[in-house]
């Protein structure tokens, strides 16, 4: 077994996962975006930009340290940070 080297099973898993993510985004993505943008916290352009920037920064730092991070969880953390910042 060659640990660390991609094989055919890895490529199949990546392909199936990619197709699943794309289908989920195409079919239910608008509901997720509406929920996050309107029902969780009201976002204007500036707040949305800050949340996206914080999410991207978190993902990039996680990538540098080799940590597997979920973009969804990072976005929820950024929205939580925005909610706290608004109350201060």
Foldseek 3Di string as FASTA:
>chain_A
DDPPDDDPVNVVVVVVVVVVVVVCCVPCVVVVCCCVCPVPDPDDPVLVVQLVVQLVVVVVVCVVVVHDDDSVVSSVVSVVVVVVVVVD
